[in-house]
Amino acid sequence: MEETPAGTCEHCGHPFPTSERLVLHKGIEHPSQLDDSEQEAFESAVTEEEADLRTLRLKALAVLVLLYFGLLILYAIFA
């Protein structure tokens, strides 16, 4: 099954699977060629991406803490 890209960069021709990825690519690789609406879309996408990364880091930290204390309790019970 062949997937069609959601968008292609008009500056370099690279295809992207989502429009969000295309916006991020343009802002990172072609910042001088953005108009005002594209700049706003890029800043919004970066803010959203940072929030998603922050959530991922907090979830990973929670899993590590639970794993650590779970193993500590198991060690205390069986050792």
N, C-alpha and C. Protein backbone atom coordinates (compact mmCIF):
# COMPACT_ATOMS: atom_id res chain seq x y z
N MET A 1 0.85 -1.18 0.00
CA MET A 1 0.00 0.00 0.00
C MET A 1 0.89 1.24 0.00
N GLU A 2 0.78 2.07 -0.99
CA GLU A 2 1.61 3.25 -1.13
C GLU A 2 0.92 4.46 -0.52
N GLU A 3 1.64 5.18 0.37
CA GLU A 3 1.08 6.36 0.99
C GLU A 3 1.46 7.59 0.20
N THR A 4 0.53 8.50 0.07
CA THR A 4 0.83 9.75 -0.62
C THR A 4 1.22 10.79 0.43
N PRO A 5 2.19 11.63 0.13
CA PRO A 5 2.61 12.63 1.10
C PRO A 5 1.53 13.70 1.30
N ALA A 6 1.49 14.24 2.52
CA ALA A 6 0.53 15.29 2.81
C ALA A 6 0.95 16.61 2.18
N GLY A 7 2.24 16.74 1.92
CA GLY A 7 2.73 17.97 1.32
C GLY A 7 4.16 17.81 0.85
N THR A 8 4.54 18.67 -0.05
CA THR A 8 5.90 18.67 -0.58
C THR A 8 6.46 20.08 -0.44
N CYS A 9 7.69 20.18 -0.01
CA CYS A 9 8.34 21.48 0.14
C CYS A 9 8.56 22.09 -1.23
N GLU A 10 8.06 23.30 -1.41
CA GLU A 10 8.21 23.95 -2.71
C GLU A 10 9.63 24.49 -2.94
N HIS A 11 10.44 24.51 -1.88
CA HIS A 11 11.80 25.02 -2.01
C HIS A 11 12.80 23.92 -2.39
N CYS A 12 12.64 22.73 -1.81
CA CYS A 12 13.60 21.65 -2.08
C CYS A 12 12.95 20.39 -2.66
N GLY A 13 11.61 20.33 -2.68
CA GLY A 13 10.92 19.20 -3.29
C GLY A 13 10.81 17.96 -2.42
N HIS A 14 11.18 18.04 -1.15
CA HIS A 14 11.13 16.89 -0.26
C HIS A 14 9.68 16.65 0.19
N PRO A 15 9.16 15.39 0.08
CA PRO A 15 7.80 15.09 0.52
C PRO A 15 7.74 14.85 2.04
N PHE A 16 6.61 15.17 2.65
CA PHE A 16 6.42 14.97 4.09
C PHE A 16 5.09 14.28 4.34
N PRO A 17 5.05 13.37 5.32
CA PRO A 17 3.83 12.59 5.57
C PRO A 17 2.70 13.40 6.20
N THR A 18 3.04 14.47 6.93
CA THR A 18 2.01 15.31 7.55
C THR A 18 2.31 16.77 7.26
N SER A 19 1.28 17.58 7.31
CA SER A 19 1.47 19.01 7.07
C SER A 19 2.26 19.65 8.21
N GLU A 20 2.13 19.10 9.42
CA GLU A 20 2.90 19.62 10.55
C GLU A 20 4.40 19.43 10.32
N ARG A 21 4.78 18.28 9.82
CA ARG A 21 6.20 18.03 9.50
C ARG A 21 6.70 18.98 8.42
N LEU A 22 5.85 19.27 7.46
CA LEU A 22 6.22 20.20 6.39
C LEU A 22 6.45 21.60 6.96
N VAL A 23 5.57 22.03 7.85
CA VAL A 23 5.70 23.35 8.48
C VAL A 23 7.00 23.42 9.28
N LEU A 24 7.30 22.38 10.05
CA LEU A 24 8.53 22.35 10.84
C LEU A 24 9.76 22.36 9.93
N HIS A 25 9.71 21.61 8.84
CA HIS A 25 10.83 21.58 7.90
C HIS A 25 11.09 22.96 7.31
N LYS A 26 10.04 23.61 6.86
CA LYS A 26 10.20 24.94 6.27
C LYS A 26 10.80 25.92 7.26
N GLY A 27 10.34 25.87 8.51
CA GLY A 27 10.85 26.79 9.52
C GLY A 27 12.29 26.54 9.89
N ILE A 28 12.72 25.28 9.83
CA ILE A 28 14.10 24.93 10.20
C ILE A 28 15.04 25.07 9.02
N GLU A 29 14.65 24.58 7.86
CA GLU A 29 15.54 24.54 6.70
C GLU A 29 15.46 25.80 5.82
N HIS A 30 14.30 26.46 5.80
CA HIS A 30 14.12 27.61 4.91
C HIS A 30 13.52 28.80 5.66
N PRO A 31 14.10 29.22 6.79
CA PRO A 31 13.46 30.27 7.60
C PRO A 31 13.40 31.63 6.90
N SER A 32 14.33 31.93 6.04
CA SER A 32 14.33 33.24 5.38
C SER A 32 13.28 33.34 4.28
N GLN A 33 12.70 32.23 3.89
CA GLN A 33 11.73 32.22 2.80
C GLN A 33 10.29 32.10 3.28
N LEU A 34 10.05 32.25 4.59
CA LEU A 34 8.71 32.13 5.14
C LEU A 34 7.99 33.47 5.11
N ASP A 35 6.70 33.43 4.81
CA ASP A 35 5.90 34.64 4.95
C ASP A 35 5.34 34.68 6.38
N ASP A 36 4.56 35.69 6.70
CA ASP A 36 4.08 35.86 8.08
C ASP A 36 3.20 34.71 8.55
N SER A 37 2.30 34.22 7.70
CA SER A 37 1.41 33.13 8.11
C SER A 37 2.20 31.84 8.31
N GLU A 38 3.19 31.59 7.46
CA GLU A 38 4.02 30.39 7.63
C GLU A 38 4.88 30.50 8.89
N GLN A 39 5.35 31.70 9.20
CA GLN A 39 6.13 31.90 10.42
C GLN A 39 5.28 31.64 11.66
N GLU A 40 4.04 32.12 11.65
CA GLU A 40 3.13 31.87 12.77
C GLU A 40 2.82 30.38 12.90
N ALA A 41 2.61 29.71 11.77
CA ALA A 41 2.34 28.27 11.79
C ALA A 41 3.54 27.52 12.35
N PHE A 42 4.75 27.94 11.97
CA PHE A 42 5.96 27.30 12.46
C PHE A 42 6.09 27.48 13.97
N GLU A 43 5.90 28.72 14.46
CA GLU A 43 6.00 28.97 15.90
C GLU A 43 4.96 28.17 16.67
N SER A 44 3.76 28.04 16.13
CA SER A 44 2.72 27.25 16.77
C SER A 44 3.10 25.77 16.80
N ALA A 45 3.65 25.27 15.70
CA ALA A 45 4.06 23.86 15.62
C ALA A 45 5.20 23.58 16.59
N VAL A 46 6.13 24.51 16.73
CA VAL A 46 7.25 24.33 17.65
C VAL A 46 6.73 24.30 19.09
N THR A 47 5.82 25.20 19.42
CA THR A 47 5.24 25.22 20.76
C THR A 47 4.52 23.91 21.07
N GLU A 48 3.75 23.42 20.11
CA GLU A 48 3.04 22.16 20.30
C GLU A 48 4.02 20.99 20.44
N GLU A 49 5.07 20.99 19.63
CA GLU A 49 6.07 19.93 19.69
C GLU A 49 6.79 19.93 21.04
N GLU A 50 7.11 21.12 21.55
CA GLU A 50 7.76 21.23 22.86
C GLU A 50 6.85 20.71 23.96
N ALA A 51 5.56 21.01 23.88
CA ALA A 51 4.61 20.51 24.87
C ALA A 51 4.51 18.99 24.81
N ASP A 52 4.49 18.43 23.61
CA ASP A 52 4.45 16.98 23.46
C ASP A 52 5.71 16.32 24.02
N LEU A 53 6.86 16.93 23.78
CA LEU A 53 8.12 16.39 24.31
C LEU A 53 8.16 16.47 25.83
N ARG A 54 7.65 17.57 26.38
CA ARG A 54 7.61 17.71 27.84
C ARG A 54 6.74 16.62 28.45
N THR A 55 5.59 16.35 27.83
CA THR A 55 4.71 15.29 28.31
C THR A 55 5.38 13.93 28.22
N LEU A 56 6.06 13.67 27.12
CA LEU A 56 6.76 12.40 26.96
C LEU A 56 7.84 12.23 28.03
N ARG A 57 8.60 13.29 28.30
CA ARG A 57 9.65 13.21 29.32
C ARG A 57 9.07 12.94 30.70
N LEU A 58 7.94 13.59 31.03
CA LEU A 58 7.32 13.36 32.33
C LEU A 58 6.80 11.93 32.45
N LYS A 59 6.22 11.41 31.38
CA LYS A 59 5.74 10.02 31.40
C LYS A 59 6.91 9.05 31.55
N ALA A 60 8.01 9.30 30.84
CA ALA A 60 9.19 8.43 30.94
C ALA A 60 9.76 8.48 32.36
N LEU A 61 9.81 9.66 32.95
CA LEU A 61 10.30 9.78 34.32
C LEU A 61 9.40 9.02 35.29
N ALA A 62 8.09 9.13 35.11
CA ALA A 62 7.15 8.41 35.98
C ALA A 62 7.35 6.90 35.87
N VAL A 63 7.55 6.40 34.67
CA VAL A 63 7.77 4.97 34.47
C VAL A 63 9.07 4.54 35.16
N LEU A 64 10.13 5.32 35.01
CA LEU A 64 11.40 4.98 35.65
C LEU A 64 11.29 4.98 37.17
N VAL A 65 10.59 5.96 37.72
CA VAL A 65 10.41 6.02 39.18
C VAL A 65 9.60 4.82 39.66
N LEU A 66 8.52 4.49 38.97
CA LEU A 66 7.72 3.33 39.36
C LEU A 66 8.51 2.04 39.24
N LEU A 67 9.29 1.90 38.20
CA LEU A 67 10.11 0.71 38.03
C LEU A 67 11.15 0.60 39.14
N TYR A 68 11.80 1.70 39.45
CA TYR A 68 12.82 1.70 40.50
C TYR A 68 12.22 1.29 41.85
N PHE A 69 11.13 1.94 42.25
CA PHE A 69 10.54 1.61 43.54
C PHE A 69 9.89 0.23 43.54
N GLY A 70 9.36 -0.19 42.40
CA GLY A 70 8.81 -1.54 42.31
C GLY A 70 9.89 -2.60 42.53
N LEU A 71 11.03 -2.40 41.86
CA LEU A 71 12.15 -3.35 42.04
C LEU A 71 12.72 -3.28 43.47
N LEU A 72 12.74 -2.07 44.03
CA LEU A 72 13.23 -1.91 45.41
C LEU A 72 12.32 -2.66 46.39
N ILE A 73 11.03 -2.57 46.20
CA ILE A 73 10.07 -3.28 47.08
C ILE A 73 10.21 -4.78 46.89
N LEU A 74 10.35 -5.25 45.64
CA LEU A 74 10.53 -6.69 45.39
C LEU A 74 11.82 -7.19 46.03
N TYR A 75 12.87 -6.41 45.96
CA TYR A 75 14.13 -6.79 46.59
C TYR A 75 13.97 -6.88 48.10
N ALA A 76 13.26 -5.92 48.68
CA ALA A 76 13.04 -5.91 50.14
C ALA A 76 12.20 -7.12 50.57
N ILE A 77 11.27 -7.55 49.75
CA ILE A 77 10.40 -8.66 50.11
C ILE A 77 11.13 -10.00 49.96
N PHE A 78 11.86 -10.17 48.86
CA PHE A 78 12.44 -11.48 48.57
C PHE A 78 13.90 -11.64 48.95
N ALA A 79 14.55 -10.61 49.42
CA ALA A 79 15.97 -10.74 49.75
C ALA A 79 16.17 -10.99 51.21
